[in-house]
Protein backbone atom coordinates (compact mmCIF):
# COMPACT_ATOMS: atom_id res chain seq x y z
CA LEU A 1 0.00 0.00 0.00
CA ALA A 2 2.76 2.42 0.90
CA GLU A 3 4.28 2.25 -2.60
CA LEU A 4 0.92 3.38 -4.00
CA GLY A 5 0.64 6.24 -1.51
CA LEU A 6 -2.27 4.52 0.26
CA ASP A 7 -2.77 4.42 4.02
CA PRO A 8 -2.64 0.80 5.29
CA ALA A 9 -5.00 1.75 8.12
CA ASN A 10 -7.82 2.19 5.60
CA LYS A 11 -10.02 -0.29 3.75
CA TYR A 12 -10.22 0.38 0.02
CA LEU A 13 -13.25 -0.30 -2.16
CA CYS A 14 -12.58 -0.54 -5.89
CA PHE A 15 -14.64 0.82 -8.79
CA ALA A 16 -12.70 0.40 -12.03
CA GLY A 17 -13.13 0.85 -15.74
CA ASN A 18 -14.27 3.35 -18.33
CA LEU A 19 -16.04 6.13 -16.46
CA ALA A 20 -19.00 6.37 -18.81
CA ALA A 21 -22.56 7.26 -17.81
CA TRP A 22 -23.84 3.73 -18.32
CA GLN A 23 -21.44 2.40 -15.68
CA GLY A 24 -23.48 4.09 -12.94
CA GLY A 25 -20.56 5.68 -11.14
CA ASN A 26 -22.85 8.39 -9.79
CA MET A 27 -24.80 5.75 -7.86
CA VAL A 28 -21.58 4.16 -6.60
CA VAL A 29 -20.30 7.47 -5.24
CA GLU A 30 -23.68 8.22 -3.65
CA ALA A 31 -23.80 4.80 -1.96
CA PHE A 32 -20.27 5.28 -0.70
CA GLY A 33 -21.16 8.73 0.61
CA ARG A 34 -23.88 7.16 2.75
CA LEU A 35 -21.57 4.38 3.89
CA ALA A 36 -18.72 6.75 4.75
CA ARG A 37 -20.63 8.19 7.70
CA TYR A 38 -20.57 4.81 9.46
CA HIS A 39 -17.22 3.46 8.26
CA PRO A 40 -14.65 6.23 8.72
CA ASP A 41 -11.77 3.95 7.70
CA THR A 42 -13.10 3.25 4.18
CA VAL A 43 -11.92 4.87 0.96
CA LEU A 44 -13.38 4.52 -2.53
CA LEU A 45 -10.67 3.95 -5.13
CA VAL A 46 -11.87 4.89 -8.63
CA ILE A 47 -9.55 3.40 -11.23
CA GLY A 48 -9.75 4.71 -14.77
CA ASP A 49 -10.85 7.73 -16.74
CA GLY A 50 -13.71 8.81 -18.97
CA GLN A 51 -16.31 11.43 -19.74
CA GLU A 52 -17.96 11.13 -16.31
CA LYS A 53 -14.80 11.65 -14.24
CA ASP A 54 -15.33 15.38 -13.68
CA ALA A 55 -18.97 14.81 -12.71
CA LEU A 56 -17.99 12.09 -10.24
CA GLU A 57 -15.37 14.33 -8.67
CA ALA A 58 -18.01 17.06 -8.35
CA LYS A 59 -20.42 14.55 -6.78
CA ALA A 60 -17.81 13.61 -4.17
CA ARG A 61 -17.24 17.28 -3.35
CA CYS A 62 -20.99 17.88 -3.07
CA LEU A 63 -21.28 15.00 -0.59
CA GLY A 64 -18.29 16.26 1.39
CA ILE A 65 -16.29 13.07 0.81
CA GLN A 66 -13.70 14.33 -1.67
CA GLY A 67 -10.95 13.30 0.74
CA ARG A 68 -12.36 9.78 0.88
CA VAL A 69 -12.57 9.16 -2.89
CA ILE A 70 -9.32 8.69 -4.81
CA PHE A 71 -9.34 9.00 -8.60
CA THR A 72 -6.26 7.34 -10.07
CA GLY A 73 -6.92 8.44 -13.63
CA ARG A 74 -5.90 6.21 -16.52
CA LEU A 75 -3.44 3.47 -15.58
CA SER A 76 -1.42 1.08 -17.68
CA TYR A 77 -2.88 -2.41 -18.09
CA HIS A 78 -0.21 -3.97 -15.85
CA ARG A 79 -0.65 -1.32 -13.15
CA VAL A 80 -4.39 -1.89 -12.61
CA PRO A 81 -4.06 -5.22 -10.72
CA VAL A 82 -1.57 -3.62 -8.33
CA TYR A 83 -4.25 -1.18 -7.21
CA MET A 84 -6.98 -3.82 -7.19
CA ASN A 85 -4.89 -5.99 -4.90
CA ALA A 86 -4.82 -3.12 -2.40
CA CYS A 87 -8.63 -3.31 -2.13
CA THR A 88 -11.04 -5.53 -0.23
CA ILE A 89 -14.17 -5.24 -2.42
CA GLY A 90 -14.72 -4.85 -6.17
CA ILE A 91 -17.80 -2.95 -7.38
CA GLY A 92 -19.16 -3.72 -10.84
CA GLY A 93 -20.77 -1.34 -13.32
CA GLY A 94 -24.23 -1.07 -14.82
CA TRP A 95 -26.12 0.70 -12.03
CA TYR A 96 -28.89 2.33 -14.03
CA GLY A 97 -30.94 3.99 -11.27
CA ASP A 98 -34.17 5.38 -12.67
CA ASP A 99 -32.98 5.53 -16.31
CA PRO A 100 -35.49 3.44 -18.35
CA LEU A 101 -33.27 3.39 -21.46
CA LEU A 102 -30.32 1.90 -19.61
CA LYS A 103 -32.63 -0.58 -17.90
CA LYS A 104 -33.90 -1.74 -21.30
CA ARG A 105 -30.37 -1.93 -22.67
CA PHE A 106 -29.00 -4.10 -19.87
CA ARG A 107 -32.04 -6.37 -19.72
CA PHE A 108 -31.54 -7.02 -23.43
CA SER A 109 -27.75 -7.21 -23.69
CA GLY A 110 -26.69 -8.36 -20.24
CA SER A 111 -23.14 -7.68 -19.04
CA SER A 112 -19.83 -9.48 -19.36
CA ALA A 113 -17.66 -6.64 -18.05
CA LEU A 114 -13.99 -7.60 -17.87
CA LYS A 115 -13.54 -5.52 -14.71
CA VAL A 116 -15.50 -8.11 -12.72
CA TYR A 117 -13.25 -10.89 -14.00
CA SER A 118 -10.26 -8.75 -13.03
CA TYR A 119 -11.62 -8.29 -9.51
CA LEU A 120 -12.13 -12.03 -9.17
CA ALA A 121 -8.66 -12.76 -10.54
CA CYS A 122 -7.32 -10.57 -7.73
CA GLY A 123 -9.35 -12.51 -5.17
CA LEU A 124 -11.84 -9.72 -4.42
CA PRO A 125 -15.45 -10.45 -3.54
CA VAL A 126 -17.68 -8.48 -5.89
CA ILE A 127 -20.89 -6.48 -5.69
CA ILE A 128 -22.66 -6.27 -9.04
CA PRO A 129 -26.07 -5.19 -10.34
CA ASP A 130 -28.67 -7.83 -11.08
CA ILE A 131 -28.45 -7.89 -14.85
CA PRO A 132 -28.06 -11.01 -17.02
CA ASP A 133 -24.86 -13.00 -17.53
CA LEU A 134 -22.44 -11.91 -14.79
CA ALA A 135 -25.10 -12.05 -12.08
CA GLY A 136 -25.61 -15.73 -12.87
CA ILE A 137 -21.89 -16.43 -12.50
CA VAL A 138 -21.62 -14.59 -9.18
CA ARG A 139 -24.59 -16.53 -7.80
CA ARG A 140 -23.30 -19.88 -9.05
CA VAL A 141 -19.77 -19.39 -7.75
CA ASN A 142 -20.96 -17.64 -4.56
CA CYS A 143 -18.22 -15.04 -4.90
CA GLY A 144 -20.14 -11.87 -4.08
CA LEU A 145 -23.50 -10.13 -3.85
CA VAL A 146 -26.01 -9.33 -6.57
CA VAL A 147 -28.00 -6.14 -5.96
CA GLU A 148 -30.97 -4.43 -7.61
CA PRO A 149 -29.49 -2.02 -10.19
CA ASP A 150 -31.84 0.86 -9.41
CA ARG A 151 -31.60 1.14 -5.60
CA VAL A 152 -28.73 3.03 -4.04
CA GLU A 153 -29.89 1.74 -0.65
CA GLY A 154 -29.29 -1.82 -1.82
CA LEU A 155 -25.73 -1.08 -2.91
CA GLU A 156 -25.04 0.70 0.38
CA ALA A 157 -26.43 -2.28 2.34
CA ALA A 158 -24.31 -4.76 0.35
CA LEU A 159 -21.16 -2.77 1.09
CA LYS A 160 -22.02 -2.77 4.80
CA VAL A 161 -22.59 -6.53 4.78
CA MET A 162 -19.15 -7.17 3.31
CA LEU A 163 -17.34 -4.71 5.54
CA ASN A 164 -18.97 -6.14 8.66
CA ASN A 165 -17.87 -9.72 7.94
CA PRO A 166 -14.48 -9.49 6.21
CA GLN A 167 -13.40 -13.10 6.77
CA HIS A 168 -16.55 -14.55 5.20
CA TRP A 169 -16.20 -12.36 2.13
CA ALA A 170 -12.47 -12.97 1.83
CA GLU A 171 -13.41 -16.64 1.42
CA ALA A 172 -15.92 -15.62 -1.26
CA GLY A 173 -13.13 -13.77 -3.04
CA ALA A 174 -10.99 -16.92 -2.91
CA ARG A 175 -13.84 -18.84 -4.58
CA GLY A 176 -13.91 -16.20 -7.30
CA ARG A 177 -10.18 -16.58 -7.86
CA ALA A 178 -10.58 -20.37 -8.10
CA PHE A 179 -13.36 -19.88 -10.66
CA ILE A 180 -11.07 -17.73 -12.82
CA GLU A 181 -8.32 -20.34 -12.69
CA ARG A 182 -10.77 -23.13 -13.44
CA GLU A 183 -13.03 -21.59 -16.08
CA ALA A 184 -12.01 -18.13 -17.22
CA THR A 185 -8.34 -18.01 -18.17
CA TRP A 186 -7.49 -17.06 -21.75
CA GLU A 187 -6.20 -20.60 -22.27
CA HIS A 188 -9.50 -22.08 -21.11
CA ARG A 189 -11.53 -19.75 -23.33
CA ALA A 190 -9.31 -20.49 -26.33
CA ALA A 191 -9.80 -24.22 -25.77
CA LEU A 192 -13.58 -23.72 -25.71
CA ILE A 193 -13.49 -21.80 -28.99
CA ILE A 194 -11.34 -24.49 -30.65
CA SER A 195 -13.74 -27.15 -29.39
CA LEU A 196 -16.74 -25.26 -30.82
CA VAL A 197 -15.00 -24.80 -34.18
CA ASP A 198 -14.18 -28.52 -34.33
CA GLN A 199 -17.78 -29.35 -33.48
CA VAL A 200 -19.12 -27.12 -36.26
CA LYS A 201 -16.64 -28.63 -38.75
CA ARG A 202 -17.74 -32.14 -37.81
CA GLN A 203 -21.41 -31.25 -38.15
CA ALA A 204 -20.75 -29.61 -41.53
CA GLY A 205 -18.90 -32.70 -42.71
CA GLU A 206 -21.79 -34.96 -41.66
CA LEU A 207 -24.25 -32.83 -43.62
CA LEU A 208 -22.11 -33.12 -46.77
CA GLN A 209 -21.90 -36.92 -46.60
């Protein structure tokens, strides 16, 4: 932590990725602002950059928590895991609040955000919105909490649950790491693709016979 300029006495919560409106960073900062009143040793670490960065910084100032939210800006690919490993919780994106267009988009397209896989690879338990695809993985692996995407109170409550029982959720993070090693490495995904291609080739050959 010291090499990153972070205080080891604090607990760091991670929100990473492209800071675009559809990520729901505004809701994350608001939930953290509520949480910060009861957990004075917590800090929100926002990793990345994007069009919403200035608005999120303004939101933190408005809530009076600008000293408790650290914006790293854009980091190199190899630097991101160093910061993630300094954290205890990874927060996903896709919090759409009361935006009906984003709700429709996520219900249709789901989410396979790489940031969540990165959190799990670093052994972090995750909190993600209840939208298709990733939510199913988190439930199956039991590596985090799935929360309603439109309720800031739900995100705040999930953060409290994890902070109040760190050992339990550290074990959940370990399950997430095991899932990545077992099912989500690039080698594993490449093998799946090769297997699917071979299957299609075999089926095509049978049709031509």
